[in-house]
């Protein structure tokens, strides 16, 4: 849902085809094993059946629903930058403008710099990314950095610069 006073709003989802291929393979296998267990009930004891149902529920149902619901929502409001990595953040993560020392749009390598996508901690600092290799790096007064992945990195950087107090 858009915040009525957002100067910038972006929602991103996982778009990497290979991630979805891996999920599809795992999901297909879980569904196949579950289907086979229904057709041969006499060959399985209750413990094995329980394991099959647990794997089917976890890998075949919950995992694809989780990935389908994941998204990174980024907003710039007058008082700060707000992030939500749905469904993991139930509330907005607010970054107060008073703590931001520098802002720059940049290209990055998600695997080499942060070890992948998602909420990541790497040598470069913390990152919120879901796809692509463009982002905005925030530098804080204490020296820490935060990278926010964005398909609109230049616009995001400019909106953040617009709300920073003149120093």
Protein backbone atom coordinates (compact mmCIF):
# COMPACT_ATOMS: atom_id res chain seq x y z
CA UNK A 1 0.00 0.00 0.00
CA UNK A 2 1.35 3.42 -0.94
CA UNK A 3 2.07 5.84 1.85
CA UNK A 4 0.17 9.04 0.95
CA UNK A 5 3.23 11.22 1.47
CA UNK A 6 5.82 9.04 -0.29
CA UNK A 7 8.13 10.99 -2.59
CA UNK A 8 9.35 7.70 -4.07
CA UNK A 9 7.83 4.22 -4.06
CA UNK A 10 9.18 1.01 -5.60
CA UNK A 11 8.21 -2.63 -5.23
CA UNK A 12 10.51 -5.35 -6.54
CA UNK A 13 10.16 -9.10 -6.73
CA UNK A 14 12.57 -11.91 -7.46
CA UNK A 15 12.87 -12.03 -11.26
CA UNK A 16 15.80 -14.40 -11.76
CA UNK A 17 14.60 -17.22 -14.03
CA UNK A 18 17.09 -19.69 -12.58
CA UNK A 19 15.77 -19.17 -9.04
CA UNK A 20 12.27 -20.02 -10.23
CA UNK A 21 13.63 -23.02 -12.17
CA UNK A 22 15.26 -24.41 -9.02
CA UNK A 23 12.05 -23.87 -7.07
CA UNK A 24 9.99 -25.49 -9.83
CA UNK A 25 12.24 -28.57 -9.88
CA UNK A 26 12.01 -28.95 -6.10
CA UNK A 27 8.28 -28.32 -6.06
CA UNK A 28 7.65 -30.78 -8.91
CA UNK A 29 9.64 -33.47 -7.16
CA UNK A 30 7.80 -32.92 -3.86
CA UNK A 31 4.43 -33.12 -5.58
CA UNK A 32 5.44 -36.26 -7.48
CA UNK A 33 6.62 -38.04 -4.32
CA UNK A 34 3.44 -37.01 -2.50
CA UNK A 35 1.26 -38.22 -5.40
CA UNK A 36 3.13 -41.56 -5.48
CA UNK A 37 2.59 -42.00 -1.75
CA UNK A 38 -1.16 -41.64 -2.26
CA UNK A 39 -1.15 -44.35 -4.93
CA UNK A 40 0.84 -46.89 -2.88
CA UNK A 41 -0.42 -46.54 0.72
CA UNK A 42 0.30 -50.16 1.69
CA UNK A 43 4.04 -49.80 0.99
CA UNK A 44 4.59 -47.00 3.53
CA UNK A 45 4.49 -47.01 7.30
CA UNK A 46 2.97 -44.08 9.20
CA UNK A 47 6.35 -42.43 9.90
CA UNK A 48 7.35 -42.46 6.23
CA UNK A 49 3.92 -41.13 5.26
CA UNK A 50 4.27 -38.31 7.81
CA UNK A 51 7.70 -37.40 6.39
CA UNK A 52 6.33 -37.37 2.83
CA UNK A 53 3.43 -35.13 3.86
CA UNK A 54 5.82 -32.80 5.74
CA UNK A 55 8.18 -32.49 2.77
CA UNK A 56 5.23 -31.97 0.42
CA UNK A 57 3.78 -29.27 2.64
CA UNK A 58 7.13 -27.51 3.17
CA UNK A 59 8.70 -27.79 -0.29
CA UNK A 60 5.62 -28.29 -2.44
CA UNK A 61 3.30 -25.72 -0.92
CA UNK A 62 4.92 -23.30 1.56
CA UNK A 63 8.20 -22.65 -0.32
CA UNK A 64 6.59 -21.52 -3.61
CA UNK A 65 4.02 -19.42 -1.74
CA UNK A 66 6.81 -17.80 0.28
CA UNK A 67 8.84 -16.93 -2.82
CA UNK A 68 5.76 -15.69 -4.67
CA UNK A 69 4.93 -13.35 -1.79
CA UNK A 70 8.47 -11.96 -1.33
CA UNK A 71 9.02 -8.37 -2.33
CA UNK A 72 11.19 -5.43 -1.38
CA UNK A 73 9.24 -2.22 -0.88
CA UNK A 74 11.22 1.01 -0.78
CA UNK A 75 9.78 4.42 0.03
CA UNK A 76 11.29 7.84 0.49
CA UNK A 77 9.23 10.12 2.70
CA UNK A 78 10.00 13.57 4.03
CA UNK A 79 11.44 12.17 7.27
CA UNK A 80 13.47 9.24 5.94
CA UNK A 81 13.89 6.13 3.86
CA UNK A 82 11.55 3.23 4.61
CA UNK A 83 12.12 -0.43 3.71
CA UNK A 84 10.00 -3.57 4.03
CA UNK A 85 11.12 -6.99 2.91
CA UNK A 86 7.74 -8.73 2.77
CA UNK A 87 6.90 -11.22 4.37
CA UNK A 88 9.85 -10.99 6.79
CA UNK A 89 9.31 -7.42 7.99
CA UNK A 90 5.93 -6.83 9.55
CA UNK A 91 6.78 -3.17 10.10
CA UNK A 92 8.71 -0.63 8.10
CA UNK A 93 12.44 -0.29 8.75
CA UNK A 94 13.00 3.45 9.00
CA UNK A 95 16.29 5.11 8.18
CA UNK A 96 16.29 8.59 9.65
CA UNK A 97 17.70 11.28 7.35
CA UNK A 98 19.77 12.68 10.22
CA UNK A 99 21.96 9.54 10.16
CA UNK A 100 22.69 9.59 6.41
CA UNK A 101 26.07 11.08 5.52
CA UNK A 102 26.29 10.15 1.83
CA UNK A 103 24.18 8.77 -1.02
CA UNK A 104 25.27 7.33 -4.34
CA UNK A 105 23.69 5.25 -7.06
CA UNK A 106 26.01 2.46 -8.12
CA UNK A 107 26.30 -0.88 -9.83
CA UNK A 108 27.15 -3.83 -7.61
CA UNK A 109 27.67 -7.58 -7.82
CA UNK A 110 25.13 -9.27 -5.53
CA UNK A 111 26.98 -12.59 -5.35
CA UNK A 112 30.52 -11.31 -4.89
CA UNK A 113 29.79 -8.35 -2.64
CA UNK A 114 26.91 -9.66 -0.53
CA UNK A 115 26.68 -13.40 -1.16
CA UNK A 116 23.37 -13.21 -3.05
CA UNK A 117 19.98 -11.56 -2.81
CA UNK A 118 17.68 -10.87 0.11
CA UNK A 119 18.65 -9.24 3.38
CA UNK A 120 22.40 -9.77 3.27
CA UNK A 121 25.49 -8.92 5.27
CA UNK A 122 28.74 -8.73 3.36
CA UNK A 123 32.20 -7.21 3.42
CA UNK A 124 30.68 -4.03 1.99
CA UNK A 125 28.02 -3.80 4.74
CA UNK A 126 24.32 -4.63 4.81
CA UNK A 127 22.15 -4.93 1.70
CA UNK A 128 18.49 -5.31 0.78
CA UNK A 129 18.30 -6.72 -2.74
CA UNK A 130 15.97 -8.89 -4.81
CA UNK A 131 17.07 -8.56 -8.42
CA UNK A 132 19.38 -6.76 -10.77
CA UNK A 133 22.69 -5.13 -10.00
CA UNK A 134 21.77 -1.48 -9.59
CA UNK A 135 21.31 0.10 -6.21
CA UNK A 136 21.79 3.04 -3.91
CA UNK A 137 24.45 2.96 -1.25
CA UNK A 138 23.84 4.95 1.90
CA UNK A 139 26.78 5.90 4.05
CA UNK A 140 26.12 6.67 7.70
CA UNK A 141 27.96 9.01 10.05
CA UNK A 142 29.41 6.04 11.95
CA UNK A 143 31.00 4.62 8.77
CA UNK A 144 28.50 1.81 8.13
CA UNK A 145 26.92 1.40 4.72
CA UNK A 146 23.61 0.07 3.46
CA UNK A 147 22.89 -0.89 -0.12
CA UNK A 148 19.29 -0.80 -1.34
CA UNK A 149 18.79 -2.63 -4.61
CA UNK A 150 16.64 -0.70 -7.08
CA UNK A 151 15.54 -0.81 -10.69
CA UNK A 152 15.36 3.01 -10.44
CA UNK A 153 18.64 3.67 -8.65
CA UNK A 154 19.26 7.17 -10.03
CA UNK A 155 15.75 8.35 -9.14
CA UNK A 156 15.93 6.77 -5.67
CA UNK A 157 19.30 8.42 -4.98
CA UNK A 158 17.95 11.80 -6.11
CA UNK A 159 14.84 11.53 -3.91
CA UNK A 160 17.02 10.68 -0.90
CA UNK A 161 19.30 13.63 -1.64
CA UNK A 162 16.22 15.86 -1.88
CA UNK A 163 15.21 15.10 1.73
CA UNK A 164 18.68 15.38 3.29
CA UNK A 165 19.16 18.48 5.42
CA UNK A 166 21.51 20.98 3.83
CA UNK A 167 24.93 20.65 5.43
